[in-house]
Amino acid sequence: MGIFEYLDSKIPDYYPTMYKDGYTPEQILYSARRKIVREYEARKEAQRAEAEANEIPEVRITSKVVIK
């Protein structure tokens, strides 16, 4: 882990009054982006799970016709 990754790991999740707590605009944007990406991935995973649950199972029918 490099110095920048270490410093970025100390930045909390985004909240609206981060600027009052002394975070720089870059830190606030980084935090907001990280929160948005995490929410997007959670939403995509939920959609994938829902689509998988609603998926119609594959049914295979084989028949044989014999004429006498």
N, C-alpha and C. Protein backbone atom coordinates (compact mmCIF):
# COMPACT_ATOMS: atom_id res chain seq x y z
N MET A 1 0.85 -1.16 0.00
CA MET A 1 0.00 0.00 0.00
C MET A 1 0.90 1.23 0.00
N GLY A 2 0.64 2.12 -0.94
CA GLY A 2 1.42 3.33 -1.04
C GLY A 2 0.90 4.41 -0.10
N ILE A 3 1.58 5.54 -0.10
CA ILE A 3 1.20 6.63 0.79
C ILE A 3 -0.16 7.21 0.43
N PHE A 4 -0.45 7.30 -0.88
CA PHE A 4 -1.73 7.88 -1.29
C PHE A 4 -2.89 6.95 -0.94
N GLU A 5 -2.70 5.65 -1.11
CA GLU A 5 -3.74 4.70 -0.73
C GLU A 5 -3.98 4.75 0.78
N TYR A 6 -2.90 4.89 1.54
CA TYR A 6 -3.03 4.97 2.99
C TYR A 6 -3.80 6.23 3.39
N LEU A 7 -3.46 7.36 2.80
CA LEU A 7 -4.15 8.60 3.13
C LEU A 7 -5.60 8.57 2.69
N ASP A 8 -5.87 7.97 1.52
CA ASP A 8 -7.25 7.87 1.05
C ASP A 8 -8.08 6.93 1.91
N SER A 9 -7.45 5.95 2.53
CA SER A 9 -8.21 5.03 3.38
C SER A 9 -8.66 5.72 4.66
N LYS A 10 -8.03 6.83 5.02
CA LYS A 10 -8.40 7.58 6.22
C LYS A 10 -9.56 8.54 5.97
N ILE A 11 -9.97 8.70 4.73
CA ILE A 11 -11.08 9.59 4.39
C ILE A 11 -12.39 8.83 4.63
N PRO A 12 -13.31 9.40 5.42
CA PRO A 12 -14.57 8.70 5.70
C PRO A 12 -15.51 8.74 4.49
N ASP A 13 -16.61 8.03 4.58
CA ASP A 13 -17.63 8.08 3.54
C ASP A 13 -18.18 9.50 3.45
N TYR A 14 -18.71 9.82 2.29
CA TYR A 14 -19.21 11.17 2.05
C TYR A 14 -20.39 11.50 2.96
N TYR A 15 -20.38 12.70 3.47
CA TYR A 15 -21.53 13.26 4.17
C TYR A 15 -21.58 14.75 3.82
N PRO A 16 -22.76 15.36 3.83
CA PRO A 16 -22.93 16.71 3.28
C PRO A 16 -22.08 17.81 3.92
N THR A 17 -21.68 17.68 5.17
CA THR A 17 -20.95 18.76 5.82
C THR A 17 -19.45 18.47 5.95
N MET A 18 -18.90 17.73 5.03
CA MET A 18 -17.47 17.41 5.08
C MET A 18 -16.60 18.66 4.99
N TYR A 19 -17.05 19.66 4.24
CA TYR A 19 -16.26 20.87 4.08
C TYR A 19 -16.10 21.61 5.40
N LYS A 20 -17.07 21.49 6.30
CA LYS A 20 -16.98 22.14 7.61
C LYS A 20 -15.97 21.45 8.52
N ASP A 21 -15.67 20.20 8.22
CA ASP A 21 -14.73 19.44 9.04
C ASP A 21 -13.30 19.55 8.53
N GLY A 22 -13.07 20.37 7.50
CA GLY A 22 -11.72 20.66 7.05
C GLY A 22 -11.19 19.78 5.95
N TYR A 23 -12.04 19.00 5.30
CA TYR A 23 -11.57 18.17 4.19
C TYR A 23 -11.42 19.04 2.95
N THR A 24 -10.43 18.72 2.13
CA THR A 24 -10.19 19.48 0.91
C THR A 24 -11.23 19.07 -0.14
N PRO A 25 -11.42 19.91 -1.16
CA PRO A 25 -12.37 19.54 -2.22
C PRO A 25 -12.00 18.22 -2.90
N GLU A 26 -10.72 17.94 -3.06
CA GLU A 26 -10.31 16.68 -3.68
C GLU A 26 -10.70 15.49 -2.82
N GLN A 27 -10.54 15.62 -1.51
CA GLN A 27 -10.92 14.54 -0.61
C GLN A 27 -12.43 14.34 -0.61
N ILE A 28 -13.18 15.42 -0.66
CA ILE A 28 -14.64 15.33 -0.69
C ILE A 28 -15.10 14.65 -1.97
N LEU A 29 -14.52 15.04 -3.12
CA LEU A 29 -14.89 14.42 -4.38
C LEU A 29 -14.51 12.94 -4.42
N TYR A 30 -13.34 12.61 -3.87
CA TYR A 30 -12.92 11.22 -3.82
C TYR A 30 -13.90 10.41 -2.98
N SER A 31 -14.29 10.96 -1.84
CA SER A 31 -15.22 10.28 -0.95
C SER A 31 -16.59 10.11 -1.61
N ALA A 32 -17.07 11.15 -2.28
CA ALA A 32 -18.37 11.08 -2.95
C ALA A 32 -18.34 10.07 -4.09
N ARG A 33 -17.26 10.06 -4.85
CA ARG A 33 -17.13 9.09 -5.95
C ARG A 33 -17.12 7.67 -5.42
N ARG A 34 -16.37 7.44 -4.36
CA ARG A 34 -16.31 6.11 -3.76
C ARG A 34 -17.69 5.66 -3.28
N LYS A 35 -18.46 6.57 -2.70
CA LYS A 35 -19.81 6.24 -2.24
C LYS A 35 -20.72 5.93 -3.42
N ILE A 36 -20.65 6.72 -4.48
CA ILE A 36 -21.49 6.50 -5.66
C ILE A 36 -21.16 5.17 -6.32
N VAL A 37 -19.88 4.84 -6.45
CA VAL A 37 -19.48 3.57 -7.06
C VAL A 37 -19.98 2.40 -6.22
N ARG A 38 -19.85 2.50 -4.91
CA ARG A 38 -20.32 1.43 -4.02
C ARG A 38 -21.83 1.23 -4.16
N GLU A 39 -22.60 2.32 -4.21
CA GLU A 39 -24.05 2.22 -4.37
C GLU A 39 -24.42 1.65 -5.74
N TYR A 40 -23.68 2.04 -6.78
CA TYR A 40 -23.93 1.52 -8.12
C TYR A 40 -23.70 0.02 -8.17
N GLU A 41 -22.60 -0.43 -7.59
CA GLU A 41 -22.30 -1.86 -7.60
C GLU A 41 -23.34 -2.64 -6.80
N ALA A 42 -23.81 -2.10 -5.69
CA ALA A 42 -24.85 -2.76 -4.91
C ALA A 42 -26.15 -2.84 -5.70
N ARG A 43 -26.49 -1.76 -6.41
CA ARG A 43 -27.72 -1.75 -7.21
C ARG A 43 -27.63 -2.75 -8.36
N LYS A 44 -26.46 -2.81 -9.02
CA LYS A 44 -26.29 -3.77 -10.12
C LYS A 44 -26.37 -5.21 -9.60
N GLU A 45 -25.80 -5.47 -8.43
CA GLU A 45 -25.86 -6.81 -7.85
C GLU A 45 -27.30 -7.18 -7.50
N ALA A 46 -28.06 -6.22 -6.98
CA ALA A 46 -29.46 -6.47 -6.65
C ALA A 46 -30.27 -6.75 -7.92
N GLN A 47 -30.01 -6.00 -8.99
CA GLN A 47 -30.70 -6.24 -10.26
C GLN A 47 -30.33 -7.60 -10.82
N ARG A 48 -29.06 -7.98 -10.72
CA ARG A 48 -28.61 -9.28 -11.22
C ARG A 48 -29.27 -10.41 -10.43
N ALA A 49 -29.38 -10.26 -9.10
CA ALA A 49 -30.01 -11.28 -8.28
C ALA A 49 -31.50 -11.38 -8.59
N GLU A 50 -32.15 -10.23 -8.82
CA GLU A 50 -33.57 -10.23 -9.15
C GLU A 50 -33.82 -10.88 -10.51
N ALA A 51 -32.97 -10.57 -11.48
CA ALA A 51 -33.11 -11.16 -12.81
C ALA A 51 -32.89 -12.67 -12.74
N GLU A 52 -31.95 -13.08 -11.92
CA GLU A 52 -31.68 -14.51 -11.77
C GLU A 52 -32.85 -15.21 -11.09
N ALA A 53 -33.49 -14.54 -10.12
CA ALA A 53 -34.63 -15.13 -9.42
C ALA A 53 -35.86 -15.21 -10.34
N ASN A 54 -36.00 -14.24 -11.24
CA ASN A 54 -37.16 -14.21 -12.13
C ASN A 54 -36.95 -15.01 -13.41
N GLU A 55 -35.78 -15.56 -13.58
CA GLU A 55 -35.47 -16.30 -14.79
C GLU A 55 -36.31 -17.58 -14.88
N ILE A 56 -36.84 -17.81 -16.06
CA ILE A 56 -37.64 -19.01 -16.29
C ILE A 56 -36.69 -20.17 -16.52
N PRO A 57 -36.89 -21.26 -15.78
CA PRO A 57 -35.99 -22.39 -15.98
C PRO A 57 -36.17 -23.00 -17.36
N GLU A 58 -35.11 -23.54 -17.87
CA GLU A 58 -35.14 -24.15 -19.19
C GLU A 58 -35.82 -25.51 -19.10
N VAL A 59 -36.78 -25.74 -19.99
CA VAL A 59 -37.49 -27.01 -20.03
C VAL A 59 -37.23 -27.64 -21.38
N ARG A 60 -36.78 -28.87 -21.35
CA ARG A 60 -36.52 -29.59 -22.60
C ARG A 60 -37.51 -30.74 -22.71
N ILE A 61 -38.13 -30.80 -23.86
CA ILE A 61 -39.10 -31.86 -24.12
C ILE A 61 -38.61 -32.63 -25.34
N THR A 62 -38.54 -33.92 -25.19
CA THR A 62 -38.20 -34.77 -26.34
C THR A 62 -39.37 -35.68 -26.58
N SER A 63 -39.72 -35.84 -27.82
CA SER A 63 -40.83 -36.72 -28.16
C SER A 63 -40.46 -37.53 -29.40
N LYS A 64 -41.12 -38.64 -29.49
CA LYS A 64 -40.86 -39.53 -30.62
C LYS A 64 -42.20 -39.90 -31.22
N VAL A 65 -42.32 -39.73 -32.51
CA VAL A 65 -43.55 -40.05 -33.21
C VAL A 65 -43.31 -41.30 -34.07
N VAL A 66 -44.17 -42.27 -33.86
CA VAL A 66 -44.05 -43.52 -34.60
C VAL A 66 -45.34 -43.72 -35.37
N ILE A 67 -45.25 -43.93 -36.69
CA ILE A 67 -46.43 -44.16 -37.53
C ILE A 67 -46.46 -45.65 -37.87
N LYS A 68 -47.61 -46.27 -37.63
CA LYS A 68 -47.76 -47.70 -37.92
C LYS A 68 -48.56 -47.90 -39.17
